[in-house]
Protein backbone atom coordinates (compact mmCIF):
# COMPACT_ATOMS: atom_id res chain seq x y z
CA ALA A 1 0.27 0.14 0.03
CA TYR A 2 2.65 2.72 0.75
CA ARG A 3 4.08 1.44 -2.55
CA ALA A 4 1.35 2.72 -4.35
CA ARG A 5 0.56 5.20 -2.59
CA ARG A 6 3.92 6.72 -3.68
CA ALA A 7 4.17 6.05 -6.87
CA ALA A 8 0.79 8.24 -6.78
CA ARG A 9 2.01 10.96 -5.76
CA ALA A 10 5.33 10.39 -8.17
CA GLY A 11 2.80 10.37 -10.70
CA GLY A 12 3.45 6.68 -11.22
CA PRO A 13 1.41 4.22 -12.99
CA ASP A 14 -1.52 4.40 -9.93
CA SER A 15 -1.95 8.29 -10.66
CA ALA A 16 -5.01 7.96 -13.11
CA ASP A 17 -6.97 10.69 -12.60
CA ARG A 18 -4.63 12.96 -15.20
CA PRO A 19 -2.19 10.40 -17.10
CA GLY A 20 0.89 12.06 -18.03
CA ARG A 21 0.82 14.49 -15.70
CA PRO A 22 3.40 13.94 -12.46
CA THR A 23 2.94 15.13 -9.18
CA ARG A 24 4.52 18.88 -7.96
CA GLY A 25 7.23 17.14 -6.49
CA ALA A 26 8.30 14.57 -9.10
CA VAL A 27 8.41 17.47 -11.50
CA LEU A 28 11.93 19.09 -10.95
CA PRO A 29 13.80 15.80 -10.71
CA LEU A 30 12.13 14.99 -14.38
CA LEU A 31 13.48 17.95 -15.58
CA GLY A 32 17.11 17.48 -14.25
CA ARG A 33 17.44 13.97 -15.54
CA ALA A 34 15.97 15.59 -19.03
CA ARG A 35 19.27 17.46 -19.63
CA PRO A 36 21.45 16.55 -21.95
CA SER A 37 25.54 16.02 -21.99
CA GLY A 38 27.11 19.05 -21.07
CA VAL A 39 24.14 21.13 -19.61
CA PHE A 40 23.70 21.83 -15.88
CA LEU A 41 21.18 23.85 -13.87
CA THR A 42 21.41 26.85 -11.53
CA HIS A 43 17.72 27.47 -10.84
CA CYS A 44 15.24 25.32 -10.42
CA GLU A 45 11.54 27.51 -9.55
CA LEU A 46 8.42 25.86 -9.38
CA HIS A 47 5.68 28.08 -9.40
CA ALA A 48 2.38 27.31 -7.50
CA ARG A 49 -1.15 27.41 -9.26
CA LEU A 50 -2.63 30.54 -8.31
CA GLY A 51 -6.27 29.61 -9.20
CA ASP A 52 -6.66 29.07 -12.79
CA LEU A 53 -3.38 30.44 -13.36
CA PRO A 54 -1.22 27.64 -15.49
CA ILE A 55 1.37 26.12 -13.24
CA GLY A 56 4.86 27.65 -14.03
CA VAL A 57 8.92 26.41 -13.83
CA THR A 58 11.53 28.55 -14.37
CA ILE A 59 15.17 26.36 -15.35
CA ARG A 60 18.12 28.66 -16.00
CA GLY A 61 21.75 26.80 -16.52
CA PHE A 62 24.58 26.63 -18.39
CA ALA A 63 25.12 25.03 -21.98
CA PRO A 64 28.77 24.45 -23.58
CA GLN A 65 27.11 25.84 -26.89
CA GLN A 66 23.91 26.29 -28.53
CA ASP A 67 22.63 23.32 -29.66
CA GLY A 68 23.03 21.42 -25.96
CA VAL A 69 20.55 24.56 -24.58
CA SER A 70 18.37 23.34 -28.30
CA GLU A 71 18.54 19.74 -27.40
CA TYR A 72 17.30 20.34 -24.06
CA VAL A 73 14.41 22.56 -25.13
CA ILE A 74 12.74 19.72 -27.64
CA THR A 75 13.13 17.16 -25.17
CA LEU A 76 11.09 19.24 -22.74
CA GLU A 77 8.70 19.64 -25.51
CA ARG A 78 8.89 15.80 -26.61
CA MET A 79 7.95 15.02 -22.23
CA GLY A 80 4.72 16.67 -22.71
CA LEU A 81 4.30 18.35 -19.34
CA PHE A 82 3.89 21.77 -20.58
CA ASP A 83 1.91 23.54 -22.73
CA GLN A 84 4.15 26.03 -23.13
CA ILE A 85 7.94 26.36 -22.88
CA LEU A 86 9.37 29.87 -23.88
CA LEU A 87 13.88 29.97 -24.29
CA GLN A 88 13.60 33.36 -22.70
CA HIS A 89 16.81 34.02 -23.47
CA VAL A 90 20.30 32.95 -24.39
CA ARG A 91 23.77 34.92 -23.56
CA ARG A 92 27.59 34.04 -23.05
CA GLU A 93 28.33 34.59 -20.10
CA PRO A 94 31.82 33.26 -17.95
CA VAL A 95 32.22 29.79 -16.95
CA GLY A 96 34.78 28.65 -13.99
CA ALA A 97 38.16 28.74 -16.81
CA THR A 98 35.75 29.53 -19.91
CA THR A 99 32.47 30.76 -20.71
CA GLY A 100 29.44 29.38 -21.64
CA LEU A 101 25.18 29.05 -22.63
CA ALA A 102 23.44 31.35 -19.74
CA PHE A 103 19.81 30.52 -20.49
CA GLU A 104 16.42 30.19 -19.40
CA ILE A 105 13.55 28.38 -19.98
CA ILE A 106 9.68 29.40 -18.55
CA CYS A 107 7.72 26.22 -18.86
CA GLU A 108 3.67 26.29 -18.30
CA ALA A 109 1.01 23.08 -18.07
CA THR A 110 -2.20 25.47 -18.23
CA GLY A 111 -3.36 21.70 -17.07
CA GLY A 112 -1.56 21.78 -13.77
CA VAL A 113 0.44 19.29 -12.05
CA ASP A 114 -1.45 17.00 -9.21
CA GLU A 115 -1.13 17.87 -6.11
């Protein structure tokens, strides 16, 4: 019973009321695992739903090249968790002894995720 409740909270197969939408607690780990090799995240902020407003996630990170950012955006789109994915900006910034591309992505799910 515990595993079934835990799977339901994590958006597992027992959470059939809204298939394809993970629970809020499962969203951030999914976003981290979805990133391509060489891309790292510096900020992930889950925005709570306010009334009928969509739930949103702000993701910031660095990639060595533009193709890493593009691949991450495409992966997020293919995951199907969000109804809208917006690449807010990409700009070259110092990362340690080298430079990388800092990016910010805003994701919105008008259907929300399970509480």
